[in-house]
Amino acid sequence: MSESIISVEHVHKSVTDSTGTLSILRDIDFSLAPRETAAIVGASGSGKSTLLSIVAGLDTPTSGTVRLAGEDLFALDEDARAELRARKVGFVFQSFQLMGNLNALENVMLPLELAGRRDARKAAAEMLGRVGLGERLGHYPKVLSGGEQQRVALARAFVVKPAVLLADEPTGSLDFATGETVMQLMFDLNRELGTTLVLVTHDRGIAERCERRITIEAGRIVP
């Protein structure tokens, strides 16, 4: 097997407040190979989204190690983590997270411009065409349907050709048919670009399309 693109080693996460200490994740340990697809599944409150945030370096574990493309995420300072994310990671969220003051093309151009790419406009337009929005480049999020907004979000995530795509309930706010279209697009782009795909989902059908299922119960991975 090729070297892991993601390695999560004995990760614990707990939070303490006036009522005591709550363990959210307990000794999470797994690795994923390049190009692999994995679904993180479990009941609400089981720790799935917290785990995804830690894999992204957006949240910090109480203890344990996360390696992304060979880099120890939490040995890096915040700026270095952000720079690694910009180079290696794409995100898709349930709530789309588009910039309302930017049109579809500008939303997809944004990560390329932040990376200093001179071909940002051309690459963004091509990716929007790939997701079926070639005629909607100048449209703002407020006039796009939920499915169209999620396709813009997918284009923005994939346009940088990330090593890893992290998706948190990507079809959670879409109707069934639109969700199916978006997921097919996500898997197609995953195969074409060789991206490792990690998604949090409650949808058993989506989870079964992934090569790996990581089931979380009460903060632990279970068989």
Protein backbone atom coordinates (compact mmCIF):
# COMPACT_ATOMS: atom_id res chain seq x y z
CA MET A 1 0.00 0.00 0.00
CA SER A 2 1.22 3.48 -0.76
CA GLU A 3 2.13 5.81 2.05
CA SER A 4 -0.83 7.25 3.95
CA ILE A 5 -2.12 10.67 2.93
CA ILE A 6 -3.99 10.96 6.27
CA SER A 7 -2.82 9.33 9.48
CA VAL A 8 -4.76 9.81 12.73
CA GLU A 9 -2.85 8.41 15.70
CA HIS A 10 -4.43 7.95 19.15
CA VAL A 11 -6.43 11.17 19.00
CA HIS A 12 -8.40 12.22 22.07
CA LYS A 13 -10.56 15.32 22.37
CA SER A 14 -12.21 16.53 25.56
CA VAL A 15 -13.66 19.83 26.72
CA THR A 16 -13.98 21.08 30.27
CA ASP A 17 -16.49 23.54 31.65
CA SER A 18 -18.11 24.28 35.00
CA THR A 19 -20.02 20.98 34.90
CA GLY A 20 -16.88 18.87 34.41
CA THR A 21 -15.00 17.24 31.53
CA LEU A 22 -16.71 15.79 28.47
CA SER A 23 -14.83 13.29 26.28
CA ILE A 24 -15.77 13.85 22.63
CA LEU A 25 -13.22 11.57 20.94
CA ARG A 26 -11.40 8.64 22.55
CA ASP A 27 -8.27 7.05 21.07
CA ILE A 28 -9.16 7.50 17.39
CA ASP A 29 -6.67 5.66 15.19
CA PHE A 30 -6.83 5.12 11.40
CA SER A 31 -5.03 5.95 8.16
CA LEU A 32 -6.14 6.53 4.58
CA ALA A 33 -4.22 5.95 1.37
CA PRO A 34 -4.09 8.40 -1.54
CA ARG A 35 -7.25 8.25 -3.72
CA GLU A 36 -9.20 6.32 -1.05
CA THR A 37 -12.83 7.20 -0.26
CA ALA A 38 -14.03 7.02 3.34
CA ALA A 39 -17.30 7.79 5.09
CA ILE A 40 -17.38 8.77 8.77
CA VAL A 41 -20.72 7.60 10.12
CA GLY A 42 -22.48 7.54 13.48
CA ALA A 43 -25.36 9.04 15.41
CA SER A 44 -25.69 12.78 15.97
CA GLY A 45 -23.35 13.86 18.76
CA SER A 46 -21.00 10.89 18.29
CA GLY A 47 -18.04 13.13 17.38
CA LYS A 48 -18.01 12.84 13.56
CA SER A 49 -17.78 16.54 12.71
CA THR A 50 -15.25 17.14 15.50
CA LEU A 51 -13.06 14.40 14.01
CA LEU A 52 -13.33 15.96 10.54
CA SER A 53 -12.35 19.38 11.96
CA ILE A 54 -9.30 17.84 13.67
CA VAL A 55 -8.25 16.05 10.45
CA ALA A 56 -8.43 19.47 8.76
CA GLY A 57 -6.40 21.13 11.50
CA LEU A 58 -9.30 23.50 12.21
CA ASP A 59 -9.72 22.10 15.72
CA THR A 60 -6.95 20.80 17.98
CA PRO A 61 -6.95 17.43 19.75
CA THR A 62 -6.37 17.18 23.49
CA SER A 63 -3.74 14.55 22.68
CA GLY A 64 -2.62 12.48 19.72
CA THR A 65 -1.16 13.14 16.28
CA VAL A 66 -2.60 13.87 12.85
CA ARG A 67 -0.37 13.68 9.79
CA LEU A 68 -1.50 15.17 6.50
CA ALA A 69 0.65 14.36 3.47
CA GLY A 70 3.43 13.41 5.89
CA GLU A 71 3.26 16.67 7.88
CA ASP A 72 2.49 16.57 11.61
CA LEU A 73 -0.38 19.09 11.65
CA PHE A 74 -0.11 20.06 15.30
CA ALA A 75 3.66 20.46 15.24
CA LEU A 76 2.98 23.40 12.89
CA ASP A 77 1.90 26.84 14.02
CA GLU A 78 -1.48 28.19 12.93
CA ASP A 79 -0.12 30.03 9.88
CA ALA A 80 1.77 26.97 8.65
CA ARG A 81 -1.33 24.80 9.14
CA ALA A 82 -3.40 27.28 7.12
CA GLU A 83 -0.80 27.27 4.35
CA LEU A 84 -0.78 23.44 4.25
CA ARG A 85 -4.59 23.40 4.09
CA ALA A 86 -4.56 25.88 1.23
CA ARG A 87 -2.23 23.61 -0.76
CA LYS A 88 -3.61 20.19 0.11
CA VAL A 89 -7.23 20.36 1.30
CA GLY A 90 -10.60 21.21 -0.19
CA PHE A 91 -13.80 21.59 1.87
CA VAL A 92 -17.49 21.10 1.14
CA PHE A 93 -20.04 21.99 3.83
CA GLN A 94 -23.76 21.32 4.25
CA SER A 95 -24.39 25.08 4.32
CA PHE A 96 -22.33 25.74 1.12
CA GLN A 97 -20.28 28.57 2.73
CA LEU A 98 -20.24 30.66 -0.43
CA MET A 99 -19.39 34.38 -0.33
CA GLY A 100 -22.67 36.16 -0.97
CA ASN A 101 -21.00 39.25 -2.42
CA LEU A 102 -19.15 37.21 -5.06
CA ASN A 103 -20.66 35.59 -8.13
CA ALA A 104 -20.14 31.90 -8.96
CA LEU A 105 -16.97 32.53 -10.97
CA GLU A 106 -15.47 34.79 -8.29
CA ASN A 107 -16.26 32.26 -5.54
CA VAL A 108 -14.38 29.53 -7.43
CA MET A 109 -11.51 31.88 -8.35
CA LEU A 110 -10.95 32.83 -4.70
CA PRO A 111 -8.71 29.92 -3.56
CA LEU A 112 -6.70 30.18 -6.79
CA GLU A 113 -6.17 33.92 -6.32
CA LEU A 114 -5.09 33.34 -2.71
CA ALA A 115 -2.56 30.83 -4.06
CA GLY A 116 -1.28 33.42 -6.56
CA ARG A 117 -2.46 31.54 -9.65
CA ARG A 118 -2.41 33.75 -12.74
CA ASP A 119 -4.84 31.48 -14.58
CA ALA A 120 -7.49 31.73 -11.84
CA ARG A 121 -10.30 33.00 -14.11
CA LYS A 122 -9.73 30.38 -16.83
CA ALA A 123 -9.35 27.48 -14.39
CA ALA A 124 -12.44 28.54 -12.40
CA ALA A 125 -14.56 28.88 -15.55
CA GLU A 126 -13.46 25.44 -16.75
CA MET A 127 -14.32 23.81 -13.42
CA LEU A 128 -17.74 25.49 -13.31
CA GLY A 129 -18.33 24.13 -16.81
CA ARG A 130 -17.33 20.68 -15.55
CA VAL A 131 -20.03 20.82 -12.84
CA GLY A 132 -22.66 22.00 -15.32
CA LEU A 133 -22.70 25.69 -14.45
CA GLY A 134 -20.95 27.12 -17.48
CA GLU A 135 -23.96 29.37 -18.14
CA ARG A 136 -24.17 30.62 -14.53
CA LEU A 137 -20.73 32.18 -14.03
CA GLY A 138 -22.08 35.67 -13.31
CA HIS A 139 -24.88 34.57 -10.98
CA TYR A 140 -24.70 35.33 -7.26
CA PRO A 141 -25.52 32.67 -4.62
CA LYS A 142 -28.89 34.24 -3.74
CA VAL A 143 -30.26 33.51 -7.23
CA LEU A 144 -28.88 29.95 -7.40
CA SER A 145 -30.79 26.89 -6.17
CA GLY A 146 -29.41 24.82 -3.30
CA GLY A 147 -28.09 22.22 -5.72
CA GLU A 148 -26.43 24.89 -7.86
CA GLN A 149 -24.83 26.45 -4.78
CA GLN A 150 -23.45 23.08 -3.73
CA ARG A 151 -22.04 22.55 -7.24
CA VAL A 152 -20.31 25.94 -6.98
CA ALA A 153 -18.92 24.80 -3.62
CA LEU A 154 -17.70 21.55 -5.22
CA ALA A 155 -16.06 23.47 -8.06
CA ARG A 156 -14.34 25.75 -5.52
CA ALA A 157 -13.10 22.73 -3.55
CA PHE A 158 -11.82 20.76 -6.54
CA VAL A 159 -10.38 23.64 -8.60
CA VAL A 160 -7.15 23.61 -6.57
CA LYS A 161 -6.83 19.84 -7.24
CA PRO A 162 -6.50 19.07 -3.53
CA ALA A 163 -4.83 15.91 -2.24
CA VAL A 164 -7.72 15.59 0.24
CA LEU A 165 -11.37 16.65 0.06
CA LEU A 166 -13.27 16.86 3.35
CA ALA A 167 -17.07 17.01 3.14
CA ASP A 168 -19.42 17.50 6.10
CA GLU A 169 -22.97 16.30 5.29
CA PRO A 170 -22.61 17.61 1.70
CA THR A 171 -26.17 16.64 0.74
CA GLY A 172 -27.79 17.36 4.12
CA SER A 173 -29.75 20.41 2.94
CA LEU A 174 -30.63 19.08 -0.54
CA ASP A 175 -33.58 17.04 -1.77
CA PHE A 176 -32.91 13.41 -2.69
CA ALA A 177 -32.57 13.82 -6.48
CA THR A 178 -30.34 16.91 -6.20
CA GLY A 179 -28.26 15.19 -3.52
CA GLU A 180 -27.75 12.17 -5.80
CA THR A 181 -26.55 14.45 -8.62
CA VAL A 182 -24.11 16.26 -6.31
CA MET A 183 -22.73 13.01 -4.87
CA GLN A 184 -22.21 11.48 -8.32
CA LEU A 185 -20.33 14.61 -9.31
CA MET A 186 -18.20 14.40 -6.16
CA PHE A 187 -17.25 10.77 -6.81
CA ASP A 188 -16.56 11.48 -10.51
CA LEU A 189 -14.23 14.36 -9.65
CA ASN A 190 -12.60 12.26 -6.93
CA ARG A 191 -11.69 9.60 -9.51
CA GLU A 192 -10.61 12.07 -12.20
CA LEU A 193 -8.35 14.13 -9.95
CA GLY A 194 -7.08 11.33 -7.69
CA THR A 195 -8.26 13.08 -4.53
CA THR A 196 -8.70 11.29 -1.21
CA LEU A 197 -12.33 11.83 -0.20
CA VAL A 198 -13.44 11.86 3.46
CA LEU A 199 -17.08 12.63 4.15
CA VAL A 200 -19.31 12.79 7.19
CA THR A 201 -22.79 11.52 6.37
CA HIS A 202 -25.99 10.16 7.92
CA ASP A 203 -26.97 8.68 4.56
CA ARG A 204 -26.31 4.93 4.48
CA GLY A 205 -26.49 4.83 0.67
CA ILE A 206 -23.72 7.44 0.37
CA ALA A 207 -21.61 5.68 2.99
CA GLU A 208 -21.88 2.37 1.15
CA ARG A 209 -20.47 3.96 -2.01
CA CYS A 210 -17.20 4.66 -0.16
CA GLU A 211 -14.40 2.10 0.05
CA ARG A 212 -14.10 2.58 3.82
CA ARG A 213 -16.62 3.24 6.57
CA ILE A 214 -15.36 4.61 9.88
CA THR A 215 -18.13 4.23 12.46
CA ILE A 216 -18.03 6.42 15.57
CA GLU A 217 -20.02 5.56 18.69
CA ALA A 218 -19.68 7.66 21.83
CA GLY A 219 -16.38 9.05 20.58
CA ARG A 220 -14.78 5.71 19.68
CA ILE A 221 -14.28 3.84 16.42
CA VAL A 222 -16.28 0.60 16.45
CA PRO A 223 -16.07 -2.36 14.04
